[in-house]
Each structure stands twice: as C-alpha cells, then as structure tokens.
Protein backbone atom coordinates (compact mmCIF):
# COMPACT_ATOMS: atom_id res chain seq x y z
CA MET A 1 21.92 -23.15 -212.27
CA SER A 2 23.29 -22.88 -208.70
CA ILE A 3 21.89 -20.22 -206.49
CA LEU A 4 25.45 -19.35 -205.45
CA ASP A 5 26.75 -18.92 -209.05
CA SER A 6 24.37 -16.16 -210.26
CA GLU A 7 21.62 -13.81 -209.23
CA PRO A 8 18.80 -16.18 -208.23
CA THR A 9 15.19 -15.80 -209.20
CA LYS A 10 12.41 -15.35 -206.59
CA TYR A 11 11.17 -18.85 -207.33
CA GLU A 12 14.63 -20.34 -206.72
CA CYS A 13 14.94 -18.46 -203.44
CA LEU A 14 11.55 -19.70 -202.22
CA LYS A 15 12.46 -23.17 -203.23
CA THR A 16 15.71 -23.03 -201.25
CA LEU A 17 13.66 -22.06 -198.22
CA ASP A 18 11.18 -24.92 -198.85
CA LEU A 19 8.36 -22.47 -199.52
CA THR A 20 5.69 -22.26 -202.18
CA PRO A 21 5.48 -19.29 -204.66
CA ASP A 22 2.50 -17.77 -202.74
CA ALA A 23 4.46 -17.55 -199.43
CA THR A 24 3.77 -14.32 -197.55
CA PRO A 25 6.62 -12.08 -196.17
CA GLU A 26 5.80 -13.20 -192.67
CA GLN A 27 5.94 -16.89 -193.68
CA ILE A 28 9.31 -16.30 -195.33
CA LYS A 29 10.72 -14.63 -192.24
CA THR A 30 9.38 -17.40 -189.95
CA GLN A 31 10.67 -20.17 -192.22
CA TYR A 32 14.09 -18.50 -192.42
CA ARG A 33 14.40 -18.36 -188.66
CA LEU A 34 13.43 -22.01 -188.38
CA LEU A 35 15.93 -23.17 -191.03
CA VAL A 36 18.79 -21.14 -189.47
CA ARG A 37 18.18 -23.00 -186.21
CA ILE A 38 18.04 -26.34 -187.97
CA TYR A 39 21.23 -25.94 -190.00
CA HIS A 40 23.38 -24.07 -187.45
CA PRO A 41 26.81 -25.80 -187.70
CA ASP A 42 27.20 -25.89 -183.90
CA ARG A 43 24.34 -28.46 -183.79
CA PHE A 44 26.49 -30.99 -185.68
CA LYS A 45 29.42 -33.02 -184.31
CA SER A 46 31.13 -34.60 -187.31
CA ALA A 47 33.22 -32.46 -189.66
CA ARG A 48 31.31 -33.76 -192.64
CA ASP A 49 27.97 -32.75 -191.17
CA LYS A 50 29.32 -29.36 -190.17
CA ASP A 51 30.57 -28.69 -193.73
CA TYR A 52 27.18 -29.70 -195.15
CA ALA A 53 25.38 -27.45 -192.67
CA GLU A 54 27.66 -24.46 -193.41
CA GLU A 55 27.08 -24.79 -197.15
CA LYS A 56 23.31 -25.18 -196.62
CA LEU A 57 23.27 -22.12 -194.35
CA LYS A 58 25.09 -20.03 -197.05
CA LYS A 59 22.42 -20.85 -199.55
CA ILE A 60 19.63 -20.14 -197.06
CA ASN A 61 21.13 -16.75 -196.12
CA ARG A 62 21.70 -15.81 -199.74
CA ALA A 63 18.14 -16.75 -200.74
CA TYR A 64 16.59 -14.88 -197.76
CA ASN A 65 18.64 -11.68 -198.28
CA HIS A 66 17.77 -11.65 -201.94
CA LEU A 67 14.08 -12.00 -201.07
CA LEU A 68 14.40 -9.09 -198.71
CA ARG A 69 15.88 -6.94 -201.49
CA LEU A 70 13.11 -7.91 -203.86
CA GLU A 71 10.48 -7.13 -201.28
CA GLU A 72 12.00 -3.73 -200.64
CA GLU A 73 12.00 -2.99 -204.30
CA GLU A 74 8.48 -4.18 -204.88
CA ARG A 75 6.86 -2.94 -201.72
CA ILE A 76 4.45 -0.03 -201.63
CA PRO A 77 4.09 1.17 -198.04
CA PRO A 78 0.70 0.75 -196.38
CA LYS A 79 -1.36 3.93 -195.93
CA LEU A 80 -3.74 4.23 -193.00
CA VAL A 81 -7.20 5.83 -193.11
CA ILE A 82 -9.01 6.18 -189.79
CA THR A 83 -12.75 6.99 -189.74
CA PRO A 84 -13.96 9.04 -187.88
CA ALA A 85 -10.94 11.25 -187.19
CA GLN A 86 -11.75 11.40 -183.49
CA LEU A 87 -13.97 9.75 -180.83
CA ASP A 88 -15.85 12.33 -178.74
CA PHE A 89 -17.91 10.56 -176.11
CA GLY A 90 -19.29 13.86 -174.90
CA GLN A 91 -20.96 13.87 -171.49
CA VAL A 92 -21.38 10.47 -169.86
CA ILE A 93 -23.10 10.01 -166.48
CA TRP A 94 -20.58 8.99 -163.86
CA GLY A 95 -20.72 5.28 -163.17
CA GLU A 96 -21.90 4.34 -166.74
CA ARG A 97 -20.02 3.10 -169.69
CA ALA A 98 -20.06 4.19 -173.32
CA LEU A 99 -19.06 2.50 -176.55
CA GLN A 100 -18.00 3.97 -179.89
CA THR A 101 -16.54 2.49 -183.01
CA PHE A 102 -13.85 3.57 -185.45
CA GLN A 103 -12.74 2.00 -188.70
CA VAL A 104 -9.22 1.24 -189.85
CA ASP A 105 -8.52 0.93 -193.57
CA ASN A 106 -5.39 0.51 -195.70
CA VAL A 107 -5.35 2.28 -199.07
CA GLY A 108 -1.64 1.56 -199.69
CA GLY A 109 0.46 -1.54 -200.16
CA PRO A 110 -0.06 -4.81 -198.18
CA ALA A 111 0.82 -4.84 -194.49
CA ASP A 112 1.96 -7.62 -192.17
CA ARG A 113 1.06 -6.38 -188.71
CA LEU A 114 -1.70 -4.36 -187.09
CA ASN A 115 -1.05 -3.14 -183.52
CA PHE A 116 -2.25 -0.44 -181.11
CA SER A 117 -0.64 1.77 -178.46
CA PHE A 118 -2.21 4.23 -176.08
CA SER A 119 -1.63 7.55 -174.37
CA GLU A 120 -0.48 7.60 -170.80
CA GLY A 121 -3.12 7.13 -168.09
CA HIS A 122 -5.46 5.36 -170.55
CA GLU A 123 -7.04 3.05 -167.99
CA TRP A 124 -10.39 4.79 -168.49
CA PHE A 125 -10.73 3.49 -172.06
CA ARG A 126 -9.84 0.22 -173.81
CA ILE A 127 -10.32 -1.63 -177.11
CA VAL A 128 -12.94 -4.35 -176.52
CA THR A 129 -13.12 -5.98 -179.90
CA GLY A 130 -12.31 -5.74 -183.61
CA ARG A 131 -13.94 -7.32 -186.68
CA ARG A 132 -13.58 -7.29 -190.44
CA VAL A 133 -16.09 -5.37 -192.52
CA ASP A 134 -15.60 -7.93 -195.27
CA PRO A 135 -14.91 -11.46 -193.94
CA ASP A 136 -12.76 -12.26 -197.01
CA ASN A 137 -10.46 -9.20 -196.56
CA PRO A 138 -8.32 -8.12 -193.68
CA MET A 139 -9.22 -4.46 -194.21
CA PRO A 140 -11.22 -2.42 -193.44
CA MET A 141 -11.56 -3.36 -189.77
CA GLU A 142 -14.04 -1.94 -187.25
CA VAL A 143 -12.75 -1.44 -183.70
CA ASP A 144 -14.95 -0.91 -180.67
CA VAL A 145 -13.66 1.31 -177.88
CA ALA A 146 -15.27 1.36 -174.39
CA VAL A 147 -15.05 4.18 -171.86
CA ASP A 148 -15.56 3.45 -168.11
CA THR A 149 -16.47 6.64 -166.22
CA ARG A 150 -16.00 4.97 -162.84
CA LEU A 151 -12.30 5.52 -163.35
CA LEU A 152 -12.78 9.24 -163.88
CA ASP A 153 -13.25 12.17 -161.47
CA LEU A 154 -16.71 13.73 -161.62
CA GLY A 155 -17.00 16.94 -163.58
CA LEU A 156 -13.58 16.76 -165.30
CA SER A 157 -12.92 16.35 -168.99
CA TYR A 158 -10.40 13.74 -170.14
CA ASN A 159 -8.44 13.42 -173.35
CA GLY A 160 -6.36 10.58 -174.71
CA TRP A 161 -5.48 8.86 -177.92
CA ILE A 162 -5.16 5.48 -179.63
CA ALA A 163 -2.27 5.03 -182.04
CA VAL A 164 -2.89 2.60 -184.88
CA HIS A 165 0.23 0.95 -186.27
CA LEU A 166 0.13 -0.78 -189.62
CA ASP A 167 3.71 -1.96 -190.14
CA GLU A 168 5.64 1.39 -190.15
CA ALA A 169 2.58 3.49 -190.87
CA MET A 170 0.94 5.16 -187.79
CA ALA A 171 -2.06 7.32 -187.19
CA ARG A 172 -3.58 8.57 -183.95
CA ILE A 173 -7.26 8.93 -183.11
CA PRO A 174 -8.05 11.39 -180.24
CA LEU A 175 -10.51 10.49 -177.57
CA SER A 176 -12.43 12.78 -175.19
CA VAL A 177 -15.10 12.40 -172.49
CA THR A 178 -16.50 14.24 -169.51
CA ALA A 179 -18.06 12.46 -166.54
CA VAL A 180 -21.14 14.28 -165.23
CA GLU A 181 -23.63 13.87 -162.40
CA GLU A 182 -27.04 12.32 -162.75
CA ARG A 183 -29.38 14.54 -164.77
CA GLU A 184 -32.06 16.54 -163.07
CA PRO A 185 -35.31 14.60 -162.89
CA VAL A 186 -37.97 15.71 -165.37
CA ALA A 187 -40.76 17.87 -163.81
CA LEU A 188 -43.84 15.81 -162.99
CA PRO A 189 -47.13 16.77 -164.68
CA SER A 190 -49.85 18.14 -162.43
CA ILE A 191 -51.59 14.82 -162.27
CA LEU A 192 -48.47 13.49 -160.66
CA SER A 193 -47.88 16.34 -158.24
CA PRO A 194 -46.39 15.38 -154.85
CA ALA A 195 -49.71 15.68 -153.02
CA ARG A 196 -51.64 13.58 -155.50
CA LEU A 197 -48.77 11.13 -155.70
CA THR A 198 -48.82 10.66 -151.92
CA TRP A 199 -52.60 9.84 -151.99
CA GLY A 200 -51.97 7.50 -154.91
CA VAL A 201 -49.30 5.61 -153.07
CA ALA A 202 -51.53 5.26 -150.01
CA ILE A 203 -54.36 3.83 -152.14
CA LEU A 204 -51.93 1.43 -153.84
CA ILE A 205 -50.69 0.16 -150.48
CA VAL A 206 -54.32 -0.55 -149.32
CA ILE A 207 -54.99 -2.44 -152.55
CA LEU A 208 -51.77 -4.53 -152.12
CA ILE A 209 -52.69 -5.40 -148.58
CA ALA A 210 -56.11 -6.60 -149.73
CA LEU A 211 -54.54 -8.65 -152.44
CA TRP A 212 -52.09 -10.17 -150.03
CA ALA A 213 -54.98 -11.23 -147.79
CA SER A 214 -56.82 -12.90 -150.65
CA PRO A 215 -56.27 -16.66 -150.53
CA SER A 216 -55.62 -17.11 -154.21
CA ILE A 217 -54.10 -13.81 -155.29
CA GLY A 218 -52.11 -13.51 -152.06
CA ALA A 219 -50.47 -16.93 -152.65
CA TRP A 220 -49.46 -15.85 -156.17
CA THR A 221 -48.03 -12.50 -155.03
CA ARG A 222 -46.05 -14.21 -152.22
CA SER A 223 -44.72 -16.71 -154.75
CA LEU A 224 -43.76 -13.85 -157.05
CA GLY A 225 -42.05 -12.13 -154.07
CA ARG A 226 -39.89 -15.20 -153.55
CA GLN A 227 -38.94 -15.26 -157.21
CA LEU A 228 -37.87 -11.63 -157.13
CA SER A 229 -36.17 -11.79 -153.76
CA PRO A 230 -32.96 -9.69 -153.83
CA THR A 231 -31.07 -12.50 -152.03
CA ALA A 232 -31.63 -14.90 -154.95
CA ALA A 233 -28.34 -14.98 -156.84
CA ALA A 234 -28.56 -14.81 -160.60
CA PRO A 235 -26.28 -17.10 -162.71
CA LEU A 236 -22.77 -15.68 -163.24
CA PHE A 237 -22.78 -17.01 -166.83
CA GLU A 238 -24.68 -19.13 -169.19
CA PRO A 239 -22.81 -22.23 -170.55
CA THR A 240 -22.32 -21.64 -174.30
CA PRO A 241 -19.95 -23.87 -176.31
CA ASN A 242 -17.01 -22.64 -178.39
CA ARG A 243 -16.55 -19.26 -176.70
CA LEU A 244 -13.25 -17.85 -175.39
CA ALA A 245 -12.61 -16.81 -171.79
CA PHE A 246 -9.98 -14.21 -170.96
CA ALA A 247 -9.10 -11.65 -168.25
CA VAL A 248 -9.36 -7.84 -168.63
CA TYR A 249 -8.48 -5.34 -165.97
CA ASP A 250 -11.69 -3.53 -164.99
CA ASP A 251 -11.55 -0.87 -162.26
CA HIS A 252 -7.99 -1.87 -161.41
CA ARG A 253 -8.77 -5.56 -160.97
CA PRO A 254 -8.84 -8.52 -163.41
CA VAL A 255 -12.30 -9.61 -164.40
CA LEU A 256 -13.17 -12.57 -166.65
CA TYR A 257 -14.89 -11.99 -169.99
CA SER A 258 -16.08 -14.31 -172.69
CA ALA A 259 -16.53 -13.73 -176.48
CA ASP A 260 -17.35 -15.49 -179.73
CA PRO A 261 -14.41 -16.49 -181.92
CA ASP A 262 -15.02 -13.42 -184.13
CA GLY A 263 -14.95 -11.09 -181.14
CA GLY A 264 -18.72 -10.62 -181.05
CA ASP A 265 -21.11 -10.87 -178.14
CA GLN A 266 -18.58 -9.97 -175.48
CA GLN A 267 -19.89 -10.73 -171.99
CA LYS A 268 -18.55 -9.77 -168.56
CA LEU A 269 -18.75 -12.87 -166.33
CA ASP A 270 -18.49 -10.85 -163.07
CA VAL A 271 -15.74 -13.22 -161.89
CA PRO A 272 -12.76 -11.37 -160.39
CA GLY A 273 -10.12 -13.90 -161.34
CA LEU A 274 -7.27 -15.08 -163.55
CA SER A 275 -6.27 -18.23 -165.44
CA ALA A 276 -9.81 -19.41 -166.01
CA VAL A 277 -10.39 -23.01 -167.23
CA TRP A 278 -13.73 -24.45 -168.23
CA GLY A 279 -14.79 -27.87 -166.95
CA PRO A 280 -15.25 -30.74 -169.43
CA THR A 281 -18.99 -30.22 -169.60
CA GLY A 282 -18.74 -26.43 -169.99
CA ASN A 283 -21.00 -25.68 -166.99
CA GLN A 284 -18.23 -25.17 -164.41
CA LEU A 285 -15.42 -22.60 -164.34
CA ALA A 286 -12.27 -22.82 -162.21
CA TYR A 287 -10.13 -19.74 -161.71
CA ILE A 288 -7.53 -18.14 -159.41
CA ASP A 289 -8.95 -15.30 -157.34
CA ALA A 290 -7.01 -12.13 -157.97
CA GLN A 291 -7.12 -10.99 -154.33
CA ASP A 292 -6.47 -14.04 -152.15
CA GLY A 293 -4.67 -16.20 -154.77
CA GLN A 294 -6.93 -19.22 -154.04
CA ILE A 295 -8.60 -21.51 -156.54
CA TYR A 296 -12.35 -21.21 -156.82
CA ILE A 297 -15.09 -22.98 -158.80
CA THR A 298 -18.29 -21.36 -159.97
CA SER A 299 -21.23 -22.43 -162.12
CA PRO A 300 -24.84 -21.37 -162.78
CA LEU A 301 -25.92 -23.91 -160.20
CA LEU A 302 -23.88 -22.24 -157.39
CA SER A 303 -25.11 -19.18 -155.58
CA TRP A 304 -21.55 -18.32 -154.60
CA PRO A 305 -18.09 -19.47 -155.92
CA ARG A 306 -16.68 -22.40 -153.89
CA ARG A 307 -13.11 -22.24 -152.66
CA LEU A 308 -10.88 -25.31 -153.27
CA THR A 309 -7.59 -24.28 -151.73
CA ASN A 310 -6.28 -22.56 -148.58
CA SER A 311 -2.48 -22.51 -148.86
CA GLU A 312 -0.54 -19.19 -149.27
CA ALA A 313 1.78 -20.65 -151.96
CA PRO A 314 1.35 -19.20 -155.46
CA LYS A 315 -0.70 -21.39 -157.86
CA SER A 316 -0.74 -21.63 -161.63
CA ALA A 317 -1.50 -23.93 -164.63
CA LEU A 318 -4.96 -25.12 -163.61
CA ALA A 319 -6.18 -28.17 -165.55
CA TRP A 320 -9.40 -30.23 -165.12
CA SER A 321 -9.18 -33.98 -165.28
CA PRO A 322 -11.07 -35.21 -168.37
CA ASP A 323 -13.81 -36.74 -166.20
CA GLY A 324 -14.26 -33.43 -164.39
CA ALA A 325 -13.65 -35.00 -160.94
CA MET A 326 -10.33 -33.27 -160.11
CA ILE A 327 -8.33 -30.19 -160.80
CA ALA A 328 -4.51 -30.36 -161.02
CA TYR A 329 -2.30 -27.28 -160.61
CA ILE A 330 1.27 -26.27 -159.93
CA GLU A 331 2.10 -24.85 -156.46
CA THR A 332 5.37 -23.00 -155.89
CA ARG A 333 7.19 -23.30 -152.61
CA ASP A 334 10.79 -22.24 -151.81
CA GLY A 335 11.52 -21.76 -155.54
CA HIS A 336 10.36 -25.28 -156.52
CA ASN A 337 7.17 -26.24 -158.36
CA ASN A 338 5.21 -29.29 -157.11
CA LEU A 339 2.06 -30.76 -158.54
CA GLN A 340 -1.23 -30.79 -156.59
CA ALA A 341 -4.47 -32.49 -157.57
CA VAL A 342 -7.66 -31.86 -155.64
CA THR A 343 -11.07 -33.53 -155.90
CA VAL A 344 -13.71 -31.01 -156.95
CA ASN A 345 -16.51 -32.33 -154.73
CA ASP A 346 -14.27 -33.05 -151.72
CA ASP A 347 -11.52 -30.46 -151.33
CA GLN A 348 -10.02 -32.55 -148.51
CA ASN A 349 -9.15 -35.33 -150.92
CA ARG A 350 -5.94 -34.30 -152.66
CA ARG A 351 -2.69 -35.68 -154.06
CA SER A 352 0.71 -34.04 -153.87
CA PHE A 353 3.65 -34.88 -156.11
CA GLN A 354 6.92 -33.37 -154.92
CA PRO A 355 9.82 -34.71 -157.05
CA GLY A 356 12.76 -34.19 -154.67
CA ASN A 357 14.92 -31.24 -155.59
CA ALA A 358 13.41 -31.00 -159.08
CA SER A 359 10.62 -28.73 -160.17
CA VAL A 360 7.55 -29.60 -162.20
CA ALA A 361 7.93 -27.74 -165.47
CA GLY A 362 4.68 -29.00 -166.98
CA PHE A 363 2.03 -31.74 -166.78
CA ASP A 364 -0.83 -33.27 -168.78
CA TRP A 365 -3.73 -35.48 -167.81
CA ASN A 366 -4.18 -38.89 -169.41
CA PRO A 367 -7.67 -39.38 -170.90
CA ASP A 368 -8.34 -42.03 -168.18
CA SER A 369 -8.08 -39.25 -165.51
CA LYS A 370 -5.96 -41.62 -163.42
CA ARG A 371 -2.47 -40.62 -164.53
CA LEU A 372 -0.52 -37.46 -165.47
CA LEU A 373 2.63 -36.89 -167.44
CA LEU A 374 5.11 -34.70 -165.56
CA VAL A 375 8.03 -32.89 -167.18
CA LEU A 376 10.63 -32.14 -164.50
CA ALA A 377 13.41 -29.55 -164.45
CA GLU A 378 16.56 -30.62 -162.60
CA GLU A 379 19.89 -28.99 -163.35
CA ASN A 380 20.26 -29.41 -167.11
CA ALA A 381 17.91 -32.32 -167.52
CA HIS A 382 14.15 -32.52 -168.25
CA PRO A 383 13.08 -36.12 -167.55
CA ILE A 384 9.49 -37.22 -168.06
CA TYR A 385 7.65 -39.00 -165.26
CA LEU A 386 4.25 -40.68 -164.84
CA ALA A 387 2.22 -39.73 -161.73
CA ASP A 388 -0.41 -42.19 -160.52
CA ILE A 389 -3.45 -40.46 -158.91
CA GLU A 390 -4.66 -43.61 -157.05
CA THR A 391 -1.33 -44.60 -155.42
CA GLY A 392 0.45 -41.23 -155.40
CA GLY A 393 3.47 -42.87 -157.03
CA LEU A 394 5.92 -41.11 -159.33
CA HIS A 395 7.75 -43.29 -161.97
CA PRO A 396 10.00 -42.64 -164.98
CA PHE A 397 7.97 -42.74 -168.21
CA SER A 398 10.50 -42.60 -171.00
CA GLY A 399 14.19 -42.39 -171.74
CA GLN A 400 13.44 -39.29 -173.79
CA GLU A 401 13.60 -35.82 -172.32
CA GLY A 402 11.55 -32.76 -173.21
CA ARG A 403 10.28 -29.36 -172.25
CA SER A 404 6.64 -30.42 -172.57
CA ALA A 405 4.82 -33.71 -173.09
CA VAL A 406 1.17 -34.20 -173.95
CA TRP A 407 -1.11 -37.20 -174.50
CA SER A 408 -3.17 -37.67 -177.60
CA SER A 409 -6.98 -37.60 -176.90
CA ASN A 410 -7.16 -41.44 -177.10
CA GLY A 411 -4.15 -41.93 -174.85
CA THR A 412 -2.21 -44.09 -177.33
CA ARG A 413 0.49 -41.56 -178.23
CA VAL A 414 2.57 -38.87 -176.59
CA ALA A 415 4.15 -35.88 -178.19
CA VAL A 416 7.32 -34.50 -176.60
CA ALA A 417 8.82 -31.08 -177.34
CA SER A 418 12.61 -31.10 -177.10
CA ASP A 419 15.62 -29.07 -178.23
CA GLU A 420 15.95 -31.48 -181.19
CA GLY A 421 12.36 -31.21 -182.28
CA ILE A 422 9.00 -32.88 -181.66
CA LEU A 423 9.23 -36.55 -180.85
CA LEU A 424 6.36 -38.99 -181.12
CA LEU A 425 6.17 -41.74 -178.54
CA ASP A 426 3.74 -44.61 -178.01
CA GLY A 427 1.54 -44.85 -174.88
CA ASP A 428 4.26 -46.67 -172.98
CA GLY A 429 7.00 -44.10 -173.64
CA ALA A 430 8.79 -45.87 -176.46
CA MET A 431 10.17 -43.78 -179.36
CA VAL A 432 8.10 -43.94 -182.60
CA ARG A 433 9.74 -41.23 -184.76
CA ALA A 434 10.77 -37.58 -184.86
CA LEU A 435 8.16 -35.22 -186.36
CA THR A 436 10.22 -32.07 -186.64
CA THR A 437 13.78 -30.72 -186.13
CA GLY A 438 14.71 -27.65 -184.18
CA PRO A 439 13.71 -26.48 -180.71
CA ALA A 440 9.99 -26.47 -179.87
CA HIS A 441 7.86 -25.94 -176.76
CA ALA A 442 4.25 -25.67 -175.56
CA LEU A 443 2.68 -28.56 -177.52
CA ALA A 444 -1.03 -29.17 -178.04
CA TRP A 445 -2.76 -31.93 -180.03
CA SER A 446 -5.66 -30.90 -182.26
CA PRO A 447 -9.00 -32.44 -181.06
CA ASP A 448 -8.89 -35.00 -183.89
CA ASP A 449 -5.24 -36.00 -183.04
CA GLU A 450 -4.21 -35.36 -186.64
CA ARG A 451 -2.15 -32.21 -186.01
CA ILE A 452 0.07 -30.80 -183.27
CA ALA A 453 0.49 -27.07 -182.61
CA PHE A 454 3.70 -25.78 -181.03
CA LEU A 455 5.71 -22.65 -180.40
CA ALA A 456 9.16 -22.13 -181.85
CA GLY A 457 11.25 -19.43 -180.23
CA PRO A 458 12.54 -18.39 -176.85
CA GLY A 459 9.45 -19.28 -174.75
CA GLY A 460 9.37 -18.79 -171.05
CA GLY A 461 7.28 -15.63 -171.35
CA GLN A 462 9.73 -13.99 -173.73
CA THR A 463 8.78 -12.44 -176.99
CA GLY A 464 9.73 -13.93 -180.30
CA SER A 465 7.84 -17.27 -180.26
CA SER A 466 5.99 -18.16 -183.48
CA LEU A 467 3.05 -20.55 -183.76
CA TRP A 468 3.30 -23.63 -186.06
CA VAL A 469 1.24 -26.65 -186.84
CA VAL A 470 2.66 -30.04 -187.94
CA ASP A 471 0.64 -32.79 -189.60
CA VAL A 472 1.30 -36.00 -187.63
CA ALA A 473 0.91 -38.29 -190.61
CA SER A 474 2.99 -36.39 -193.16
CA GLY A 475 5.25 -34.24 -191.00
CA ALA A 476 4.29 -31.17 -193.12
CA LEU A 477 4.89 -27.88 -191.27
CA HIS A 478 2.49 -24.92 -191.49
CA PRO A 479 3.29 -21.50 -190.03
CA ARG A 480 0.18 -20.13 -188.36
CA ALA A 481 1.22 -16.91 -186.49
CA PRO A 482 4.26 -14.70 -186.42
CA ALA A 483 6.53 -13.81 -183.51
CA ASP A 484 5.45 -12.50 -180.10
CA VAL A 485 2.96 -15.34 -179.42
CA VAL A 486 2.74 -15.88 -175.64
CA ASP A 487 -0.14 -18.42 -175.44
CA TYR A 488 -2.58 -20.27 -177.68
CA ALA A 489 -5.39 -22.83 -177.61
CA TRP A 490 -7.28 -25.07 -180.05
CA SER A 491 -11.07 -24.64 -180.15
CA PRO A 492 -12.89 -27.82 -179.05
CA ASP A 493 -14.01 -28.46 -182.62
CA GLY A 494 -10.50 -27.93 -183.99
CA VAL A 495 -11.69 -25.24 -186.44
CA TYR A 496 -9.89 -22.30 -184.72
CA LEU A 497 -6.51 -21.58 -183.18
CA ALA A 498 -6.73 -18.73 -180.72
CA TYR A 499 -3.48 -17.04 -179.76
CA VAL A 500 -2.26 -14.07 -177.70
CA THR A 501 0.45 -11.65 -178.79
CA GLY A 502 2.19 -8.80 -177.09
CA ASN A 503 4.74 -8.04 -174.46
CA LEU A 504 4.40 -9.29 -170.86
CA ALA A 505 6.53 -6.53 -169.39
CA GLY A 506 3.69 -4.10 -168.59
CA GLN A 507 1.81 -3.89 -165.32
CA PRO A 508 -0.70 -5.03 -166.38
CA PRO A 509 0.54 -6.13 -169.79
CA ILE A 510 -1.34 -4.95 -172.88
CA LEU A 511 -1.98 -8.09 -175.01
CA TYR A 512 -4.17 -8.94 -177.96
CA LEU A 513 -6.30 -12.01 -178.55
CA TRP A 514 -6.61 -13.31 -182.13
CA THR A 515 -8.35 -16.28 -183.75
CA LEU A 516 -7.33 -17.98 -186.96
CA ARG A 517 -9.76 -20.23 -188.80
CA ASP A 518 -8.43 -23.21 -190.71
CA SER A 519 -9.57 -21.92 -194.05
CA ALA A 520 -8.78 -18.29 -193.48
CA PRO A 521 -5.45 -16.68 -194.47
CA ASP A 522 -5.58 -13.82 -191.92
CA PRO A 523 -6.36 -13.71 -188.20
CA GLN A 524 -9.32 -12.01 -186.56
CA LEU A 525 -8.73 -9.57 -183.70
CA VAL A 526 -10.99 -10.58 -180.80
CA ALA A 527 -10.08 -8.32 -177.87
CA GLU A 528 -7.48 -6.45 -175.92
CA LEU A 529 -6.68 -8.33 -172.72
CA ASN A 530 -4.32 -8.15 -169.74
CA GLU A 531 -3.36 -11.79 -169.05
CA PRO A 532 -1.94 -14.22 -171.54
CA HIS A 533 -4.00 -17.24 -170.44
CA ILE A 534 -7.08 -18.08 -172.55
CA ASP A 535 -9.44 -21.03 -172.67
CA TRP A 536 -12.39 -22.24 -174.77
CA THR A 537 -15.76 -23.33 -173.40
CA ARG A 538 -16.66 -26.94 -174.00
C-alpha cells in the first residue's frame, strides 16, 4: 500500500524516514531535516533526478507531517515539580560562597528538552552542575546552585530566580541571599584573657628561639619553614585523566574549571583563560589569557604560567602536536587567518603559514607531528593543503574540497566534510568513497578510528547544528544530539561525547555542557559555562 494512496501507519512513516520503530521525537525531527537536505530538488541537475527527488520529498513530508499529528494526539504534556520551592541562602559572609541544591522532576508526559533561564542581574549565582538521581532515568535531576557574595554589596539582600523549562512547561524557583560582615569573635575565656595571652605569647617566642638554636631541632624547624614558605607556589591543578575543562565567568572574568563526565568533583583551576587544551600527556595546559590575549602554558611543575606569544593579533584554535613539542594556532591579521606553530620549549622557534589572499579555515596535525592539513577559504573554494613543519612548505593535498579535514589516529586516512557529505580519502589525498550525503562540518574521528562525529546544520557559530556519528565501515548514521550544538569533543577513551548547547549571542553567552555515554539514551548535564570550547584531559 503506497503511503501516498491512503492514511499511513506510524510504522510506514518511520520506514519512509529510514527510522526504527523506537525512534524518539527528536530523532524523527533530526532525520527529517537531514533527508530534506539530501533530496532537495535543487541539488540535482538532470530532469530525471529532479523528478525522483521531488517524489521522494513528497513522501518524506507526508510521513513527517503525519507523525507530527500522531505525536500531538498521543502526547501528554510534561509537568514540572521543583523541590524545594525556593532557595534561601540566608546570611552569607561577604567574600565566601554558598551552595544549595534543588531537584527537578517530571510527573507528566515525556519531554525532549531541559533548559534554564535566569532573572536579570544574575551574575551573583549560577548553576554549577546537574546529575540524575537514578542513572537509568532522565528524571528526577538534582541541580547545584552556587552563590558568590564577592559580587554583592555588603549588607544588602538580593533576590533572583531560575526558570526551569521542560519543553513548553516552565516553573520558577526564587533565590535570596544577604551578604554580611565577618561575625564578631567569640569572647575569650578567662584563661585566655589578653593579659595572660600576652605572657603566653612571650613564653612561646622564647621556647621557639631555643628550639631554633638547637642543632637538631633547629634544622628540622628551618626545613619546615622552607616547606611552608609563602613564596612556594602550589600546583594549579593535578593531572587527572578523562576530565573536562571549560571556562566559566567568575567575578566578571573567565576562569577555567574541570569536572568529571557526570558533572561531579568540579574544581576551579585558578587559570584566568579561555580555549584551554591539554597536552598529550595530560600534565600541561595551554590557554589564551583573557586579559592580554596571549597564549600561555602551565603545569604542576611550573611556579608561574609561561607565555608563548607576544603579538597583538587575535589568536584561536589552539592544538598541541601529538608529540607535545609544538602548539599550532590561528592568528588573524587584516581579516585573514594564517597558521602559526611555535615550539613549546623554545618560543623563538616558530613556523608561519600565510596562504596568499586565502584564509586558514581549519587545520589538523598529522600523527607524525611533522605535517598539518590546512583547509583554506578563498572566494567560493575550500582547497585542502599540506603544511610541512620542517621546510615551511605549503602544497596541495587533494583535488577534493571541504570545510574541514582531519587525519585518522594512524595517519592512513583523511575524512573531509563537504557540502556533498563526508568523503573518505587515503593518506595521500586520493578519494576512497563517500560516507554520507548532505552538508556536514566540524569532523572528529573517534579514538579507535571506527566512527566519525560531525555537525549537520548552519555551523559558523549559528544555532541549529545537530550532532551525528557515522560508522566508517558500514556508513550507518546515528543521531546523538539535537539542534543548537556549538561544540563537541570525544573523550580520550571514546566512551563519551561531550557537547555544548545554547546561544552565542549573550555577553557572556549562557551555554550548557552535556555528556552522552555510548550505552546511555539520554545526556547528562555537566555544567553551565560561558565559552563554547571544551577539552578532555589525557
């Protein structure tokens, strides 16, 4: 029975969209958008192909519209329950922070999206993490909220709210806090009266002088004094594998944080920077300083961060070479992007690749750390070039064009994202086969080279991009995250995909970091952040 001749069943509609019977509403929507792009008649030149595409598109539209009607008829709206009804932080000493938790639950029908919005002037509070109460169910979810009294005026009370959005359902939870002075010291007991305390201090000083003069004890105390010297810098962070780094605005400046994949154990790294990338061994961190715009490197072995650059040109897209010897980045001058590569241990040793009037749209290190793939943007073309670190040469790599190109981890294959789909090339740039059809951008191989993640949608910082994964061997497509994805990254073990959603329009933007485990159907909210770039520790 043709789907155009009678009222189709839900199974027939899903089959028309190449979906399984257990497809979620979000998967249906994402698949529909992809198929519309694939079968748009304007993409075909011959009349025969155009006719076929038009007929196919009619069936796709009919199936999708019918599924929407069925969903509307079957859908029970979600119903929010927020516990507790408000967060009253009470009196908090100025300069300190406080943390409280509320729980979000859904006692209605299934929901597709959970988002948050905030009252005006909400810089003094923020969501720091979210986690499931039951790992196997998306709801209920516990959400931690932090208050920073350093952003408040002393002695004043502040009120605000967090709005929780579950699809169309919305509920607000009020927040209140008062910043107060340090509390009065507790009265000393008579044994610690000022007079007796003064004599006690004097006696203690005499004893310490005697100890210092003692050959054995004095040496120990002087050694202890060196260990506790206030000039000895403590490590900025401890290298821990499989953690996420991201930037959050703290006291009106971006500061780097790290967290576990489930949002737990969030740590402030005390690094005032953006676009953090971990070195290959996980014990070095490169970032762009938020104040001077220069690239710095820090590690537990350095007392102070070390600056790598001095130019005033804006910098972006930091990437360590696989051997950890160099950092490559894009530098923008006079509206054009060029590629710079600087040696980590000798910041005077650098390479610059300036492709004429073209701009570098993207790059990727070869596993040998001696070459980079460059995608250029010149007029309406996006050629792919090969940059040689040793010679500084720049040579055409392939006859194919693309918006991004990335090496596999063994360097034997290259994936190219183009307007026609994802193309698979060999290590010399020769075409092997097409993996997908339809525009794609922002490619990333999984650590085992068996899958490729990509974004489908506008790109370029716009909303609307969805996250997909394609199996390299079979070509099977798997939708992983809905629209509004602005960045993502594989975990080093390939178990997680972390991704960032939200709108980049704000100053700073309010974004959300999620992780999705291979075996899990739903994502885990990790943190609210203010920059789209994320990276995993190695």
